[in-house]
Amino acid sequence: MEIRVLADADAVAREAAKVIAEAARVAVADRGRFIMAVSGGRTPWQMLRLLPDEEVPWKHVHVVQVDERVAPAGDPDRNLTHLRESLLEHAPLPPEKLNPMPVEEQDLRAAARRYAVSLQKIAGSPPVLDLVHLGLGTDGHTASLVPGDPVLGVADADVALTGIYQGRRRMTLTYPIINRCRRILWLVTGSEKVDMLLRLAEGDSMIPAGRVRREHALVLADRAAAERS
């Protein structure tokens, strides 16, 4: 795991956009496509708004979701709402290349299975994503892999459902597909993340984030979060 410390959240977002653009160019040159999974968060939305300033082979890019809250279309709690605002409204990504999690379905378990199948169609069987962007919660969660939830033990599915967490049930990528990806990009900002970033850096498997593979993982952190790392 590599940790790069930058001045602030803005610098983290700018560096992340550069990292993603470079990864996209390499993936398209090597395999003809770039498949990226995106989490939510203020710094990531800024990162996505900066991506159009970089050299990105957009027509060969696919974007999928790392996780999503079960909420109505357009709800501000939805990662998709901000993903569309941050990416589709600013970048020439073909709308059909954005693959939202189907959290508006009545049968959420069937919807999770369908999303897993859609990932196979995009990224092979089993699906291998080129880059997975992750955040780090103050409780050590990442994606919607949250402490104490049975989703942590899912080993036979790439997409699963959580229980209620911070007022919402969620759909999330699981450890198998995350740990199968070619590269992990962590964005960690804010002084409230100091303790968890230290535990992540030490590979502490007692927190959900600590169970994510460390090979080919890059952490971009601001100085506030990296004070002790």
C-alpha atoms as a PDB file:
ATOM      1  CA  MET A   1       0.000   0.000   0.000  1.00  0.00           C
ATOM      2  CA  GLU A   2       1.315   3.405  -0.993  1.00  0.00           C
ATOM      3  CA  ILE A   3       0.236   6.507   0.933  1.00  0.00           C
ATOM      4  CA  ARG A   4       0.615   9.932  -0.624  1.00  0.00           C
ATOM      5  CA  VAL A   5      -0.016  12.912   1.627  1.00  0.00           C
ATOM      6  CA  LEU A   6      -1.254  16.109   0.004  1.00  0.00           C
ATOM      7  CA  ALA A   7      -1.982  19.554   1.379  1.00  0.00           C
ATOM      8  CA  ASP A   8      -5.771  19.447   1.567  1.00  0.00           C
ATOM      9  CA  ALA A   9      -8.940  17.893   0.166  1.00  0.00           C
ATOM     10  CA  ASP A  10      -8.726  19.976  -3.019  1.00  0.00           C
ATOM     11  CA  ALA A  11      -5.243  18.668  -3.701  1.00  0.00           C
ATOM     12  CA  VAL A  12      -6.432  15.118  -3.021  1.00  0.00           C
ATOM     13  CA  ALA A  13      -9.248  15.526  -5.557  1.00  0.00           C
ATOM     14  CA  ARG A  14      -6.885  16.917  -8.194  1.00  0.00           C
ATOM     15  CA  GLU A  15      -4.344  14.127  -7.699  1.00  0.00           C
ATOM     16  CA  ALA A  16      -7.096  11.501  -7.771  1.00  0.00           C
ATOM     17  CA  ALA A  17      -8.364  12.810 -11.109  1.00  0.00           C
ATOM     18  CA  LYS A  18      -4.844  12.512 -12.527  1.00  0.00           C
ATOM     19  CA  VAL A  19      -4.442   8.972 -11.182  1.00  0.00           C
ATOM     20  CA  ILE A  20      -7.759   7.864 -12.673  1.00  0.00           C
ATOM     21  CA  ALA A  21      -7.025   9.455 -16.044  1.00  0.00           C
ATOM     22  CA  GLU A  22      -3.646   7.732 -16.237  1.00  0.00           C
ATOM     23  CA  ALA A  23      -5.160   4.390 -15.224  1.00  0.00           C
ATOM     24  CA  ALA A  24      -7.838   4.817 -17.901  1.00  0.00           C
ATOM     25  CA  ARG A  25      -5.293   5.493 -20.625  1.00  0.00           C
ATOM     26  CA  VAL A  26      -3.232   2.452 -19.645  1.00  0.00           C
ATOM     27  CA  ALA A  27      -6.276   0.162 -19.410  1.00  0.00           C
ATOM     28  CA  VAL A  28      -7.639   1.238 -22.793  1.00  0.00           C
ATOM     29  CA  ALA A  29      -4.234   0.794 -24.409  1.00  0.00           C
ATOM     30  CA  ASP A  30      -3.868  -2.680 -22.861  1.00  0.00           C
ATOM     31  CA  ARG A  31      -7.433  -4.035 -22.928  1.00  0.00           C
ATOM     32  CA  GLY A  32      -9.560  -1.628 -24.955  1.00  0.00           C
ATOM     33  CA  ARG A  33     -11.693  -0.433 -22.024  1.00  0.00           C
ATOM     34  CA  PHE A  34     -11.544   1.029 -18.520  1.00  0.00           C
ATOM     35  CA  ILE A  35     -14.022  -0.029 -15.847  1.00  0.00           C
ATOM     36  CA  MET A  36     -14.137   2.097 -12.707  1.00  0.00           C
ATOM     37  CA  ALA A  37     -16.253   1.699  -9.583  1.00  0.00           C
ATOM     38  CA  VAL A  38     -17.002   4.901  -7.675  1.00  0.00           C
ATOM     39  CA  SER A  39     -18.019   5.520  -4.065  1.00  0.00           C
ATOM     40  CA  GLY A  40     -19.730   8.615  -2.682  1.00  0.00           C
ATOM     41  CA  GLY A  41     -18.422  11.609  -0.778  1.00  0.00           C
ATOM     42  CA  ARG A  42     -17.664  15.300  -1.127  1.00  0.00           C
ATOM     43  CA  THR A  43     -14.032  14.899  -2.218  1.00  0.00           C
ATOM     44  CA  PRO A  44     -14.905  12.187  -4.770  1.00  0.00           C
ATOM     45  CA  TRP A  45     -17.568  14.395  -6.357  1.00  0.00           C
ATOM     46  CA  GLN A  46     -14.942  17.094  -6.715  1.00  0.00           C
ATOM     47  CA  MET A  47     -12.562  14.510  -8.184  1.00  0.00           C
ATOM     48  CA  LEU A  48     -15.138  13.581 -10.811  1.00  0.00           C
ATOM     49  CA  ARG A  49     -15.773  17.211 -11.727  1.00  0.00           C
ATOM     50  CA  LEU A  50     -12.038  17.592 -12.351  1.00  0.00           C
ATOM     51  CA  LEU A  51     -11.770  14.512 -14.573  1.00  0.00           C
ATOM     52  CA  PRO A  52     -12.832  16.358 -17.770  1.00  0.00           C
ATOM     53  CA  ASP A  53      -9.706  18.510 -17.373  1.00  0.00           C
ATOM     54  CA  GLU A  54      -7.604  15.376 -17.857  1.00  0.00           C
ATOM     55  CA  GLU A  55      -6.939  13.276 -20.935  1.00  0.00           C
ATOM     56  CA  VAL A  56      -9.486  10.472 -20.576  1.00  0.00           C
ATOM     57  CA  PRO A  57     -10.565   8.084 -23.379  1.00  0.00           C
ATOM     58  CA  TRP A  58     -14.223   8.594 -22.495  1.00  0.00           C
ATOM     59  CA  LYS A  59     -15.822   6.428 -25.172  1.00  0.00           C
ATOM     60  CA  HIS A  60     -14.035   3.404 -23.705  1.00  0.00           C
ATOM     61  CA  VAL A  61     -14.893   4.154 -20.053  1.00  0.00           C
ATOM     62  CA  HIS A  62     -17.506   2.322 -17.975  1.00  0.00           C
ATOM     63  CA  VAL A  63     -18.546   3.616 -14.536  1.00  0.00           C
ATOM     64  CA  VAL A  64     -20.244   1.397 -11.958  1.00  0.00           C
ATOM     65  CA  GLN A  65     -21.212   2.035  -8.366  1.00  0.00           C
ATOM     66  CA  VAL A  66     -19.386   0.737  -5.310  1.00  0.00           C
ATOM     67  CA  ASP A  67     -22.474   1.190  -3.170  1.00  0.00           C
ATOM     68  CA  GLU A  68     -25.820   2.946  -3.021  1.00  0.00           C
ATOM     69  CA  ARG A  69     -28.459   3.820  -0.464  1.00  0.00           C
ATOM     70  CA  VAL A  70     -31.948   2.427  -0.929  1.00  0.00           C
ATOM     71  CA  ALA A  71     -33.820   5.658  -1.602  1.00  0.00           C
ATOM     72  CA  PRO A  72     -36.032   7.127  -4.356  1.00  0.00           C
ATOM     73  CA  ALA A  73     -34.647   8.438  -7.629  1.00  0.00           C
ATOM     74  CA  GLY A  74     -33.189  11.924  -7.272  1.00  0.00           C
ATOM     75  CA  ASP A  75     -32.974  11.712  -3.477  1.00  0.00           C
ATOM     76  CA  PRO A  76     -29.981  13.687  -2.155  1.00  0.00           C
ATOM     77  CA  ASP A  77     -29.003  10.595  -0.139  1.00  0.00           C
ATOM     78  CA  ARG A  78     -28.386   8.711  -3.386  1.00  0.00           C
ATOM     79  CA  ASN A  79     -24.813   8.517  -4.633  1.00  0.00           C
ATOM     80  CA  LEU A  80     -26.239   8.348  -8.154  1.00  0.00           C
ATOM     81  CA  THR A  81     -27.764  11.816  -7.800  1.00  0.00           C
ATOM     82  CA  HIS A  82     -24.347  13.336  -7.131  1.00  0.00           C
ATOM     83  CA  LEU A  83     -22.605  11.057  -9.610  1.00  0.00           C
ATOM     84  CA  ARG A  84     -24.787  12.367 -12.405  1.00  0.00           C
ATOM     85  CA  GLU A  85     -24.303  15.967 -11.292  1.00  0.00           C
ATOM     86  CA  SER A  86     -20.535  15.599 -10.932  1.00  0.00           C
ATOM     87  CA  LEU A  87     -19.750  13.466 -13.972  1.00  0.00           C
ATOM     88  CA  LEU A  88     -22.477  13.314 -16.600  1.00  0.00           C
ATOM     89  CA  GLU A  89     -23.087  17.055 -16.530  1.00  0.00           C
ATOM     90  CA  HIS A  90     -19.391  17.850 -17.002  1.00  0.00           C
ATOM     91  CA  ALA A  91     -17.747  14.973 -18.886  1.00  0.00           C
ATOM     92  CA  PRO A  92     -18.455  13.444 -22.309  1.00  0.00           C
ATOM     93  CA  LEU A  93     -19.161  10.045 -20.777  1.00  0.00           C
ATOM     94  CA  PRO A  94     -21.909   8.337 -22.809  1.00  0.00           C
ATOM     95  CA  PRO A  95     -24.894   8.039 -20.417  1.00  0.00           C
ATOM     96  CA  GLU A  96     -25.277   4.334 -21.198  1.00  0.00           C
ATOM     97  CA  LYS A  97     -21.759   3.771 -19.825  1.00  0.00           C
ATOM     98  CA  LEU A  98     -22.935   4.768 -16.343  1.00  0.00           C
ATOM     99  CA  ASN A  99     -24.350   1.682 -14.634  1.00  0.00           C
ATOM    100  CA  PRO A 100     -26.444   2.555 -11.562  1.00  0.00           C
ATOM    101  CA  MET A 101     -27.312   0.090  -8.839  1.00  0.00           C
ATOM    102  CA  PRO A 102     -31.040  -0.818  -9.096  1.00  0.00           C
ATOM    103  CA  VAL A 103     -32.044   0.179  -5.574  1.00  0.00           C
ATOM    104  CA  GLU A 104     -35.545   1.304  -6.567  1.00  0.00           C
ATOM    105  CA  GLU A 105     -36.676  -2.276  -7.223  1.00  0.00           C
ATOM    106  CA  GLN A 106     -39.134  -3.954  -4.877  1.00  0.00           C
ATOM    107  CA  ASP A 107     -37.161  -7.204  -4.756  1.00  0.00           C
ATOM    108  CA  LEU A 108     -33.778  -5.881  -3.721  1.00  0.00           C
ATOM    109  CA  ARG A 109     -32.115  -9.270  -3.476  1.00  0.00           C
ATOM    110  CA  ALA A 110     -33.060 -10.072  -7.053  1.00  0.00           C
ATOM    111  CA  ALA A 111     -31.903  -6.594  -8.046  1.00  0.00           C
ATOM    112  CA  ALA A 112     -28.503  -7.219  -6.439  1.00  0.00           C
ATOM    113  CA  ARG A 113     -28.175 -10.460  -8.383  1.00  0.00           C
ATOM    114  CA  ARG A 114     -29.058  -8.647 -11.626  1.00  0.00           C
ATOM    115  CA  TYR A 115     -26.439  -6.004 -10.953  1.00  0.00           C
ATOM    116  CA  ALA A 116     -23.855  -8.726 -10.430  1.00  0.00           C
ATOM    117  CA  VAL A 117     -24.837 -10.204 -13.807  1.00  0.00           C
ATOM    118  CA  SER A 118     -24.526  -6.778 -15.445  1.00  0.00           C
ATOM    119  CA  LEU A 119     -20.999  -6.501 -14.036  1.00  0.00           C
ATOM    120  CA  GLN A 120     -20.155  -9.852 -15.621  1.00  0.00           C
ATOM    121  CA  LYS A 121     -21.351  -8.552 -18.993  1.00  0.00           C
ATOM    122  CA  ILE A 122     -19.111  -5.496 -18.661  1.00  0.00           C
ATOM    123  CA  ALA A 123     -16.061  -6.947 -16.911  1.00  0.00           C
ATOM    124  CA  GLY A 124     -16.039 -10.687 -17.558  1.00  0.00           C
ATOM    125  CA  SER A 125     -16.857 -13.710 -15.434  1.00  0.00           C
ATOM    126  CA  PRO A 126     -15.827 -13.335 -12.729  1.00  0.00           C
ATOM    127  CA  PRO A 127     -15.799  -9.556 -13.246  1.00  0.00           C
ATOM    128  CA  VAL A 128     -12.451  -7.813 -12.821  1.00  0.00           C
ATOM    129  CA  LEU A 129     -12.708  -4.046 -12.381  1.00  0.00           C
ATOM    130  CA  ASP A 130      -9.779  -1.875 -13.392  1.00  0.00           C
ATOM    131  CA  LEU A 131     -10.060   0.587 -10.509  1.00  0.00           C
ATOM    132  CA  VAL A 132     -12.197   0.736  -7.385  1.00  0.00           C
ATOM    133  CA  HIS A 133     -12.381   4.047  -5.553  1.00  0.00           C
ATOM    134  CA  LEU A 134     -13.021   3.723  -1.829  1.00  0.00           C
ATOM    135  CA  GLY A 135     -13.542   6.034   1.109  1.00  0.00           C
ATOM    136  CA  LEU A 136     -12.912   5.436   4.797  1.00  0.00           C
ATOM    137  CA  GLY A 137     -15.487   6.003   7.518  1.00  0.00           C
ATOM    138  CA  THR A 138     -14.765   7.099  11.056  1.00  0.00           C
ATOM    139  CA  ASP A 139     -15.987   3.653  12.164  1.00  0.00           C
ATOM    140  CA  GLY A 140     -13.641   1.891   9.754  1.00  0.00           C
ATOM    141  CA  HIS A 141     -16.252   1.069   7.125  1.00  0.00           C
ATOM    142  CA  THR A 142     -15.600   1.281   3.409  1.00  0.00           C
ATOM    143  CA  ALA A 143     -18.066   0.909   0.542  1.00  0.00           C
ATOM    144  CA  SER A 144     -21.106  -0.169   2.573  1.00  0.00           C
ATOM    145  CA  LEU A 145     -19.117  -2.861   4.331  1.00  0.00           C
ATOM    146  CA  VAL A 146     -20.006  -1.736   7.815  1.00  0.00           C
ATOM    147  CA  PRO A 147     -18.976  -3.049  11.236  1.00  0.00           C
ATOM    148  CA  GLY A 148     -21.115  -5.895  12.521  1.00  0.00           C
ATOM    149  CA  ASP A 149     -23.209  -6.329   9.367  1.00  0.00           C
ATOM    150  CA  PRO A 150     -23.608  -9.835   7.892  1.00  0.00           C
ATOM    151  CA  VAL A 151     -22.527  -8.395   4.529  1.00  0.00           C
ATOM    152  CA  LEU A 152     -18.942  -8.633   5.795  1.00  0.00           C
ATOM    153  CA  GLY A 153     -19.171 -12.399   5.543  1.00  0.00           C
ATOM    154  CA  VAL A 154     -20.510 -12.604   1.990  1.00  0.00           C
ATOM    155  CA  ALA A 155     -18.045 -14.659  -0.012  1.00  0.00           C
ATOM    156  CA  ASP A 156     -20.238 -16.109  -2.774  1.00  0.00           C
ATOM    157  CA  ALA A 157     -21.657 -12.928  -4.356  1.00  0.00           C
ATOM    158  CA  ASP A 158     -20.148  -9.784  -5.812  1.00  0.00           C
ATOM    159  CA  VAL A 159     -23.123  -7.581  -4.865  1.00  0.00           C
ATOM    160  CA  ALA A 160     -25.112  -7.773  -1.636  1.00  0.00           C
ATOM    161  CA  LEU A 161     -27.480  -5.894   0.655  1.00  0.00           C
ATOM    162  CA  THR A 162     -26.810  -4.514   4.106  1.00  0.00           C
ATOM    163  CA  GLY A 163     -29.081  -3.973   7.031  1.00  0.00           C
ATOM    164  CA  ILE A 164     -30.066  -0.461   8.099  1.00  0.00           C
ATOM    165  CA  TYR A 165     -26.997   1.756   8.509  1.00  0.00           C
ATOM    166  CA  GLN A 166     -27.275   5.461   9.301  1.00  0.00           C
ATOM    167  CA  GLY A 167     -30.964   5.340   8.480  1.00  0.00           C
ATOM    168  CA  ARG A 168     -30.753   3.550   5.128  1.00  0.00           C
ATOM    169  CA  ARG A 169     -30.398   0.044   3.811  1.00  0.00           C
ATOM    170  CA  ARG A 170     -27.709  -0.200   1.128  1.00  0.00           C
ATOM    171  CA  MET A 171     -26.546  -2.210  -1.851  1.00  0.00           C
ATOM    172  CA  THR A 172     -22.795  -2.716  -2.037  1.00  0.00           C
ATOM    173  CA  LEU A 173     -19.962  -4.434  -3.806  1.00  0.00           C
ATOM    174  CA  THR A 174     -18.518  -7.145  -1.578  1.00  0.00           C
ATOM    175  CA  TYR A 175     -14.972  -8.145  -0.678  1.00  0.00           C
ATOM    176  CA  PRO A 176     -14.640 -10.751  -3.465  1.00  0.00           C
ATOM    177  CA  ILE A 177     -15.060  -8.291  -6.347  1.00  0.00           C
ATOM    178  CA  ILE A 178     -13.251  -5.450  -4.590  1.00  0.00           C
ATOM    179  CA  ASN A 179     -10.264  -7.648  -3.822  1.00  0.00           C
ATOM    180  CA  ARG A 180     -10.258  -8.993  -7.373  1.00  0.00           C
ATOM    181  CA  CYS A 181      -9.791  -5.552  -8.949  1.00  0.00           C
ATOM    182  CA  ARG A 182      -6.590  -4.362 -10.582  1.00  0.00           C
ATOM    183  CA  ARG A 183      -6.173  -1.230  -8.461  1.00  0.00           C
ATOM    184  CA  ILE A 184      -7.633   0.330  -5.314  1.00  0.00           C
ATOM    185  CA  LEU A 185      -7.734   4.104  -4.930  1.00  0.00           C
ATOM    186  CA  TRP A 186      -8.480   5.343  -1.414  1.00  0.00           C
ATOM    187  CA  LEU A 187      -9.417   8.993  -0.780  1.00  0.00           C
ATOM    188  CA  VAL A 188      -9.135   9.938   2.892  1.00  0.00           C
ATOM    189  CA  THR A 189      -9.579  13.505   4.104  1.00  0.00           C
ATOM    190  CA  GLY A 190     -10.286  15.237   7.394  1.00  0.00           C
ATOM    191  CA  SER A 191      -8.863  15.110  10.905  1.00  0.00           C
ATOM    192  CA  GLU A 192     -11.698  12.832  12.034  1.00  0.00           C
ATOM    193  CA  LYS A 193     -10.109  10.065   9.926  1.00  0.00           C
ATOM    194  CA  VAL A 194      -6.715  10.121  11.695  1.00  0.00           C
ATOM    195  CA  ASP A 195      -7.225   7.015  13.827  1.00  0.00           C
ATOM    196  CA  MET A 196      -8.826   4.930  11.075  1.00  0.00           C
ATOM    197  CA  LEU A 197      -6.220   5.878   8.490  1.00  0.00           C
ATOM    198  CA  LEU A 198      -3.529   4.702  10.889  1.00  0.00           C
ATOM    199  CA  ARG A 199      -5.357   1.399  11.344  1.00  0.00           C
ATOM    200  CA  LEU A 200      -5.810   1.059   7.580  1.00  0.00           C
ATOM    201  CA  ALA A 201      -2.109   1.725   7.025  1.00  0.00           C
ATOM    202  CA  GLU A 202      -1.263  -0.965   9.572  1.00  0.00           C
ATOM    203  CA  GLY A 203      -3.551  -3.488   7.885  1.00  0.00           C
ATOM    204  CA  ASP A 204      -5.850  -3.830  10.888  1.00  0.00           C
ATOM    205  CA  SER A 205      -8.341  -6.536   9.852  1.00  0.00           C
ATOM    206  CA  MET A 206     -10.564  -5.710  12.820  1.00  0.00           C
ATOM    207  CA  ILE A 207     -12.023  -2.820  10.807  1.00  0.00           C
ATOM    208  CA  PRO A 208     -13.860  -3.531   7.544  1.00  0.00           C
ATOM    209  CA  ALA A 209     -11.500  -1.335   5.532  1.00  0.00           C
ATOM    210  CA  GLY A 210      -8.537  -3.329   6.797  1.00  0.00           C
ATOM    211  CA  ARG A 211      -9.786  -6.429   4.981  1.00  0.00           C
ATOM    212  CA  VAL A 212      -9.367  -4.838   1.553  1.00  0.00           C
ATOM    213  CA  ARG A 213      -6.309  -6.077  -0.351  1.00  0.00           C
ATOM    214  CA  ARG A 214      -3.221  -3.933   0.008  1.00  0.00           C
ATOM    215  CA  GLU A 215      -1.399  -4.862  -3.204  1.00  0.00           C
ATOM    216  CA  HIS A 216      -1.792  -2.196  -5.891  1.00  0.00           C
ATOM    217  CA  ALA A 217      -3.547   0.082  -3.389  1.00  0.00           C
ATOM    218  CA  LEU A 218      -2.916   3.822  -3.347  1.00  0.00           C
ATOM    219  CA  VAL A 219      -4.096   6.079  -0.527  1.00  0.00           C
ATOM    220  CA  LEU A 220      -4.408   9.790  -1.229  1.00  0.00           C
ATOM    221  CA  ALA A 221      -4.768  11.583   2.098  1.00  0.00           C
ATOM    222  CA  ASP A 222      -4.698  15.176   3.189  1.00  0.00           C
ATOM    223  CA  ARG A 223      -2.402  16.361   5.960  1.00  0.00           C
ATOM    224  CA  ALA A 224      -5.242  16.503   8.454  1.00  0.00           C
ATOM    225  CA  ALA A 225      -6.036  12.805   8.021  1.00  0.00           C
ATOM    226  CA  ALA A 226      -2.407  11.676   7.789  1.00  0.00           C
ATOM    227  CA  GLU A 227      -1.178  13.383  10.946  1.00  0.00           C
ATOM    228  CA  ARG A 228      -0.135  10.064  12.539  1.00  0.00           C
ATOM    229  CA  SER A 229       0.382   7.867   9.452  1.00  0.00           C
END
